[in-house]
Amino acid sequence: MMASFLIAFVVGGLFCVIGQLLFDVAKLSPGHTLCILVVSGAVLDGFGLYEPLIDFAGAGATIPITSFGNSLTHGALQEAEKHGLVGVITGMFEVTSSGISAAILFGFIASLLFRSKSRP
């Protein structure tokens, strides 16, 4: 049991190290780093490599932002098999809609509760 926690911690930490290296060494902005990590998760899923990583690392692979790219691609590929080109579009949102909705809802609630520090 402790070994699975350690593996999840190490794999999740490696994703964080990659993101931090993109910030520090490559001098990329947070938006660029986010896009690179999401696209890398999508590419890994497209080649069938992300599911084995999830099986190996558990939460270490499902919690980082790369898992969002994995979810988008996984849903698109599953629905494309069933419904063709229309399934590509609907499949992406079918799998990720709850996460996107939660982000919008909690962002809205936070905007009502807190004020921005920078004012014009």
N, C-alpha and C. Protein backbone atom coordinates (compact mmCIF):
# COMPACT_ATOMS: atom_id res chain seq x y z
N MET A 1 0.82 -1.19 0.00
CA MET A 1 0.00 0.00 0.00
C MET A 1 0.87 1.26 0.00
N MET A 2 1.89 1.30 0.81
CA MET A 2 2.77 2.46 0.85
C MET A 2 3.52 2.60 -0.47
N ALA A 3 3.79 1.49 -1.13
CA ALA A 3 4.49 1.56 -2.41
C ALA A 3 3.64 2.28 -3.46
N SER A 4 2.33 2.07 -3.45
CA SER A 4 1.47 2.75 -4.43
C SER A 4 1.42 4.25 -4.15
N PHE A 5 1.45 4.64 -2.87
CA PHE A 5 1.51 6.07 -2.54
C PHE A 5 2.82 6.68 -3.02
N LEU A 6 3.90 5.96 -2.81
CA LEU A 6 5.22 6.45 -3.21
C LEU A 6 5.31 6.59 -4.73
N ILE A 7 4.80 5.60 -5.46
CA ILE A 7 4.82 5.66 -6.93
C ILE A 7 3.97 6.83 -7.43
N ALA A 8 2.79 7.02 -6.85
CA ALA A 8 1.93 8.13 -7.24
C ALA A 8 2.62 9.46 -6.95
N PHE A 9 3.27 9.57 -5.80
CA PHE A 9 3.98 10.79 -5.43
C PHE A 9 5.13 11.09 -6.39
N VAL A 10 5.89 10.07 -6.74
CA VAL A 10 7.04 10.26 -7.63
C VAL A 10 6.58 10.63 -9.04
N VAL A 11 5.60 9.93 -9.58
CA VAL A 11 5.14 10.23 -10.93
C VAL A 11 4.48 11.61 -11.00
N GLY A 12 3.62 11.92 -10.04
CA GLY A 12 3.02 13.25 -9.99
C GLY A 12 4.08 14.33 -9.81
N GLY A 13 5.08 14.04 -9.00
CA GLY A 13 6.18 14.98 -8.81
C GLY A 13 6.98 15.18 -10.07
N LEU A 14 7.14 14.14 -10.88
CA LEU A 14 7.86 14.28 -12.14
C LEU A 14 7.12 15.20 -13.10
N PHE A 15 5.79 15.11 -13.11
CA PHE A 15 5.02 16.05 -13.93
C PHE A 15 5.25 17.49 -13.45
N CYS A 16 5.29 17.67 -12.13
CA CYS A 16 5.54 19.00 -11.58
C CYS A 16 6.94 19.49 -11.93
N VAL A 17 7.92 18.60 -11.89
CA VAL A 17 9.29 18.97 -12.24
C VAL A 17 9.36 19.41 -13.70
N ILE A 18 8.68 18.68 -14.56
CA ILE A 18 8.67 19.05 -15.98
C ILE A 18 8.05 20.43 -16.16
N GLY A 19 6.94 20.69 -15.49
CA GLY A 19 6.32 22.00 -15.57
C GLY A 19 7.22 23.09 -15.03
N GLN A 20 7.90 22.83 -13.92
CA GLN A 20 8.79 23.84 -13.35
C GLN A 20 9.99 24.09 -14.25
N LEU A 21 10.51 23.05 -14.90
CA LEU A 21 11.61 23.23 -15.84
C LEU A 21 11.18 24.06 -17.06
N LEU A 22 9.94 23.86 -17.49
CA LEU A 22 9.44 24.67 -18.59
C LEU A 22 9.36 26.14 -18.19
N PHE A 23 9.01 26.41 -16.93
CA PHE A 23 9.00 27.79 -16.43
C PHE A 23 10.41 28.36 -16.35
N ASP A 24 11.30 27.63 -15.65
CA ASP A 24 12.61 28.17 -15.30
C ASP A 24 13.62 28.12 -16.43
N VAL A 25 13.73 26.97 -17.08
CA VAL A 25 14.77 26.80 -18.10
C VAL A 25 14.31 27.35 -19.45
N ALA A 26 13.12 26.97 -19.87
CA ALA A 26 12.63 27.41 -21.18
C ALA A 26 12.01 28.80 -21.12
N LYS A 27 11.80 29.33 -19.92
CA LYS A 27 11.22 30.67 -19.72
C LYS A 27 9.85 30.81 -20.38
N LEU A 28 9.05 29.75 -20.31
CA LEU A 28 7.71 29.78 -20.88
C LEU A 28 6.72 30.37 -19.89
N SER A 29 5.68 30.96 -20.41
CA SER A 29 4.63 31.52 -19.56
C SER A 29 3.77 30.38 -19.00
N PRO A 30 2.99 30.67 -17.95
CA PRO A 30 2.10 29.63 -17.43
C PRO A 30 1.12 29.10 -18.47
N GLY A 31 0.64 29.96 -19.35
CA GLY A 31 -0.28 29.51 -20.40
C GLY A 31 0.38 28.54 -21.37
N HIS A 32 1.61 28.86 -21.77
CA HIS A 32 2.33 27.96 -22.67
C HIS A 32 2.62 26.63 -22.01
N THR A 33 3.01 26.68 -20.74
CA THR A 33 3.31 25.44 -20.01
C THR A 33 2.06 24.59 -19.86
N LEU A 34 0.94 25.23 -19.54
CA LEU A 34 -0.33 24.52 -19.42
C LEU A 34 -0.68 23.82 -20.73
N CYS A 35 -0.56 24.54 -21.83
CA CYS A 35 -0.88 23.95 -23.14
C CYS A 35 0.03 22.78 -23.48
N ILE A 36 1.31 22.92 -23.19
CA ILE A 36 2.26 21.83 -23.48
C ILE A 36 1.91 20.59 -22.67
N LEU A 37 1.57 20.76 -21.39
CA LEU A 37 1.24 19.60 -20.56
C LEU A 37 -0.07 18.94 -20.98
N VAL A 38 -1.07 19.75 -21.33
CA VAL A 38 -2.35 19.18 -21.78
C VAL A 38 -2.16 18.43 -23.10
N VAL A 39 -1.44 19.04 -24.03
CA VAL A 39 -1.20 18.39 -25.33
C VAL A 39 -0.36 17.14 -25.17
N SER A 40 0.61 17.17 -24.26
CA SER A 40 1.43 15.96 -24.07
C SER A 40 0.58 14.81 -23.51
N GLY A 41 -0.36 15.11 -22.62
CA GLY A 41 -1.28 14.08 -22.14
C GLY A 41 -2.16 13.53 -23.25
N ALA A 42 -2.59 14.43 -24.15
CA ALA A 42 -3.42 14.00 -25.29
C ALA A 42 -2.62 13.13 -26.25
N VAL A 43 -1.39 13.52 -26.51
CA VAL A 43 -0.54 12.74 -27.43
C VAL A 43 -0.22 11.37 -26.84
N LEU A 44 0.10 11.34 -25.54
CA LEU A 44 0.37 10.05 -24.90
C LEU A 44 -0.85 9.14 -24.97
N ASP A 45 -2.05 9.69 -24.79
CA ASP A 45 -3.25 8.87 -24.90
C ASP A 45 -3.49 8.44 -26.33
N GLY A 46 -3.19 9.31 -27.28
CA GLY A 46 -3.37 8.96 -28.69
C GLY A 46 -2.51 7.76 -29.09
N PHE A 47 -1.33 7.66 -28.50
CA PHE A 47 -0.45 6.52 -28.76
C PHE A 47 -0.72 5.34 -27.83
N GLY A 48 -1.70 5.47 -26.95
CA GLY A 48 -2.05 4.38 -26.04
C GLY A 48 -1.10 4.22 -24.87
N LEU A 49 -0.38 5.29 -24.51
CA LEU A 49 0.60 5.19 -23.43
C LEU A 49 0.12 5.75 -22.10
N TYR A 50 -0.94 6.53 -22.11
CA TYR A 50 -1.37 7.15 -20.85
C TYR A 50 -2.14 6.19 -19.96
N GLU A 51 -2.94 5.32 -20.52
CA GLU A 51 -3.68 4.35 -19.69
C GLU A 51 -2.74 3.43 -18.91
N PRO A 52 -1.67 2.89 -19.54
CA PRO A 52 -0.72 2.11 -18.73
C PRO A 52 -0.06 2.94 -17.63
N LEU A 53 0.16 4.22 -17.89
CA LEU A 53 0.73 5.10 -16.87
C LEU A 53 -0.25 5.27 -15.71
N ILE A 54 -1.54 5.40 -16.01
CA ILE A 54 -2.56 5.49 -14.96
C ILE A 54 -2.61 4.19 -14.17
N ASP A 55 -2.54 3.05 -14.85
CA ASP A 55 -2.54 1.77 -14.16
C ASP A 55 -1.34 1.64 -13.22
N PHE A 56 -0.20 2.20 -13.63
CA PHE A 56 1.02 2.11 -12.84
C PHE A 56 1.03 3.12 -11.69
N ALA A 57 0.67 4.38 -11.98
CA ALA A 57 0.85 5.45 -11.00
C ALA A 57 -0.42 5.89 -10.29
N GLY A 58 -1.58 5.47 -10.75
CA GLY A 58 -2.83 5.86 -10.09
C GLY A 58 -3.03 7.36 -10.08
N ALA A 59 -3.22 7.93 -8.88
CA ALA A 59 -3.48 9.36 -8.74
C ALA A 59 -2.31 10.21 -9.21
N GLY A 60 -1.11 9.65 -9.24
CA GLY A 60 0.04 10.39 -9.74
C GLY A 60 -0.09 10.74 -11.20
N ALA A 61 -0.93 10.01 -11.92
CA ALA A 61 -1.15 10.29 -13.34
C ALA A 61 -2.54 10.87 -13.61
N THR A 62 -3.48 10.69 -12.69
CA THR A 62 -4.82 11.21 -12.94
C THR A 62 -5.05 12.61 -12.39
N ILE A 63 -4.25 13.06 -11.45
CA ILE A 63 -4.43 14.38 -10.85
C ILE A 63 -3.79 15.50 -11.67
N PRO A 64 -2.59 15.34 -12.22
CA PRO A 64 -1.97 16.46 -12.97
C PRO A 64 -2.77 16.87 -14.20
N ILE A 65 -2.46 18.03 -14.73
CA ILE A 65 -3.19 18.60 -15.87
C ILE A 65 -3.05 17.75 -17.12
N THR A 66 -2.03 16.92 -17.20
CA THR A 66 -1.88 16.04 -18.36
C THR A 66 -3.06 15.08 -18.47
N SER A 67 -3.69 14.77 -17.35
CA SER A 67 -4.84 13.89 -17.37
C SER A 67 -6.03 14.53 -18.08
N PHE A 68 -6.11 15.87 -18.09
CA PHE A 68 -7.18 16.54 -18.81
C PHE A 68 -7.03 16.30 -20.31
N GLY A 69 -5.81 16.40 -20.83
CA GLY A 69 -5.56 16.09 -22.24
C GLY A 69 -5.88 14.64 -22.55
N ASN A 70 -5.53 13.76 -21.62
CA ASN A 70 -5.86 12.35 -21.76
C ASN A 70 -7.36 12.15 -21.84
N SER A 71 -8.11 12.81 -20.97
CA SER A 71 -9.57 12.67 -20.96
C SER A 71 -10.19 13.19 -22.26
N LEU A 72 -9.70 14.33 -22.74
CA LEU A 72 -10.22 14.89 -23.99
C LEU A 72 -10.03 13.90 -25.15
N THR A 73 -8.83 13.40 -25.28
CA THR A 73 -8.52 12.49 -26.39
C THR A 73 -9.24 11.17 -26.23
N HIS A 74 -9.26 10.65 -25.01
CA HIS A 74 -9.92 9.36 -24.76
C HIS A 74 -11.40 9.42 -25.12
N GLY A 75 -12.07 10.49 -24.68
CA GLY A 75 -13.49 10.64 -24.99
C GLY A 75 -13.74 10.83 -26.47
N ALA A 76 -12.87 11.62 -27.12
CA ALA A 76 -13.03 11.86 -28.56
C ALA A 76 -12.85 10.57 -29.35
N LEU A 77 -11.85 9.78 -28.99
CA LEU A 77 -11.60 8.54 -29.73
C LEU A 77 -12.72 7.52 -29.53
N GLN A 78 -13.23 7.44 -28.29
CA GLN A 78 -14.32 6.49 -28.03
C GLN A 78 -15.58 6.86 -28.81
N GLU A 79 -15.95 8.12 -28.80
CA GLU A 79 -17.15 8.54 -29.49
C GLU A 79 -16.96 8.56 -31.01
N ALA A 80 -15.74 8.76 -31.48
CA ALA A 80 -15.49 8.73 -32.92
C ALA A 80 -15.74 7.34 -33.48
N GLU A 81 -15.43 6.32 -32.69
CA GLU A 81 -15.71 4.94 -33.13
C GLU A 81 -17.20 4.69 -33.27
N LYS A 82 -18.01 5.32 -32.40
CA LYS A 82 -19.45 5.10 -32.42
C LYS A 82 -20.18 6.00 -33.42
N HIS A 83 -19.79 7.30 -33.47
CA HIS A 83 -20.58 8.28 -34.21
C HIS A 83 -19.81 9.01 -35.30
N GLY A 84 -18.60 8.62 -35.55
CA GLY A 84 -17.82 9.28 -36.61
C GLY A 84 -17.32 10.65 -36.21
N LEU A 85 -17.28 11.57 -37.17
CA LEU A 85 -16.71 12.90 -36.95
C LEU A 85 -17.46 13.70 -35.89
N VAL A 86 -18.77 13.57 -35.84
CA VAL A 86 -19.55 14.27 -34.82
C VAL A 86 -19.17 13.77 -33.43
N GLY A 87 -18.85 12.50 -33.31
CA GLY A 87 -18.46 11.93 -32.03
C GLY A 87 -17.16 12.50 -31.50
N VAL A 88 -16.28 12.96 -32.40
CA VAL A 88 -15.03 13.57 -31.95
C VAL A 88 -15.33 14.81 -31.12
N ILE A 89 -16.22 15.64 -31.61
CA ILE A 89 -16.57 16.88 -30.91
C ILE A 89 -17.35 16.59 -29.63
N THR A 90 -18.38 15.77 -29.74
CA THR A 90 -19.22 15.51 -28.56
C THR A 90 -18.50 14.67 -27.52
N GLY A 91 -17.61 13.79 -27.93
CA GLY A 91 -16.91 12.92 -27.00
C GLY A 91 -15.99 13.67 -26.06
N MET A 92 -15.34 14.71 -26.58
CA MET A 92 -14.44 15.50 -25.74
C MET A 92 -15.19 16.13 -24.58
N PHE A 93 -16.36 16.66 -24.86
CA PHE A 93 -17.11 17.37 -23.83
C PHE A 93 -17.92 16.44 -22.95
N GLU A 94 -18.27 15.28 -23.45
CA GLU A 94 -19.02 14.33 -22.64
C GLU A 94 -18.21 13.87 -21.45
N VAL A 95 -16.93 13.61 -21.66
CA VAL A 95 -16.07 13.09 -20.60
C VAL A 95 -15.64 14.20 -19.65
N THR A 96 -15.40 15.40 -20.16
CA THR A 96 -14.82 16.47 -19.34
C THR A 96 -15.83 17.52 -18.88
N SER A 97 -17.10 17.36 -19.22
CA SER A 97 -18.08 18.42 -18.92
C SER A 97 -18.23 18.68 -17.42
N SER A 98 -18.17 17.66 -16.60
CA SER A 98 -18.33 17.91 -15.16
C SER A 98 -17.17 18.72 -14.61
N GLY A 99 -15.95 18.44 -15.04
CA GLY A 99 -14.80 19.21 -14.58
C GLY A 99 -14.83 20.65 -15.06
N ILE A 100 -15.22 20.84 -16.32
CA ILE A 100 -15.31 22.20 -16.87
C ILE A 100 -16.42 22.97 -16.16
N SER A 101 -17.57 22.33 -15.93
CA SER A 101 -18.67 22.99 -15.23
C SER A 101 -18.29 23.37 -13.81
N ALA A 102 -17.58 22.48 -13.12
CA ALA A 102 -17.15 22.78 -11.76
C ALA A 102 -16.18 23.95 -11.74
N ALA A 103 -15.26 24.01 -12.70
CA ALA A 103 -14.31 25.12 -12.75
C ALA A 103 -15.04 26.45 -12.98
N ILE A 104 -16.02 26.45 -13.85
CA ILE A 104 -16.79 27.67 -14.10
C ILE A 104 -17.58 28.08 -12.86
N LEU A 105 -18.25 27.12 -12.24
CA LEU A 105 -19.06 27.41 -11.06
C LEU A 105 -18.21 27.93 -9.90
N PHE A 106 -17.12 27.23 -9.58
CA PHE A 106 -16.28 27.66 -8.46
C PHE A 106 -15.55 28.96 -8.76
N GLY A 107 -15.20 29.19 -10.02
CA GLY A 107 -14.61 30.47 -10.41
C GLY A 107 -15.58 31.61 -10.21
N PHE A 108 -16.83 31.38 -10.57
CA PHE A 108 -17.86 32.41 -10.39
C PHE A 108 -18.09 32.69 -8.91
N ILE A 109 -18.17 31.64 -8.09
CA ILE A 109 -18.37 31.83 -6.65
C ILE A 109 -17.18 32.59 -6.05
N ALA A 110 -15.97 32.24 -6.46
CA ALA A 110 -14.79 32.94 -5.96
C ALA A 110 -14.80 34.41 -6.36
N SER A 111 -15.28 34.69 -7.57
CA SER A 111 -15.34 36.10 -8.01
C SER A 111 -16.35 36.90 -7.20
N LEU A 112 -17.37 36.25 -6.69
CA LEU A 112 -18.34 36.94 -5.85
C LEU A 112 -17.81 37.16 -4.42
N LEU A 113 -16.99 36.25 -3.95
CA LEU A 113 -16.52 36.32 -2.58
C LEU A 113 -15.27 37.18 -2.41
N PHE A 114 -14.42 37.25 -3.42
CA PHE A 114 -13.13 37.93 -3.29
C PHE A 114 -13.00 39.04 -4.32
N ARG A 115 -12.20 40.04 -3.96
CA ARG A 115 -11.94 41.15 -4.88
C ARG A 115 -10.54 41.05 -5.43
N SER A 116 -10.38 41.51 -6.63
CA SER A 116 -9.07 41.55 -7.27
C SER A 116 -8.20 42.59 -6.58
N LYS A 117 -6.92 42.30 -6.43
CA LYS A 117 -6.01 43.26 -5.79
C LYS A 117 -5.60 44.37 -6.74
N SER A 118 -5.65 44.11 -8.02
CA SER A 118 -5.25 45.14 -8.99
C SER A 118 -6.52 45.84 -9.50
N ARG A 119 -6.58 47.11 -9.27
CA ARG A 119 -7.72 47.91 -9.73
C ARG A 119 -7.20 49.03 -10.60
N PRO A 120 -7.94 49.34 -11.66
CA PRO A 120 -7.49 50.45 -12.54
C PRO A 120 -7.64 51.80 -11.91
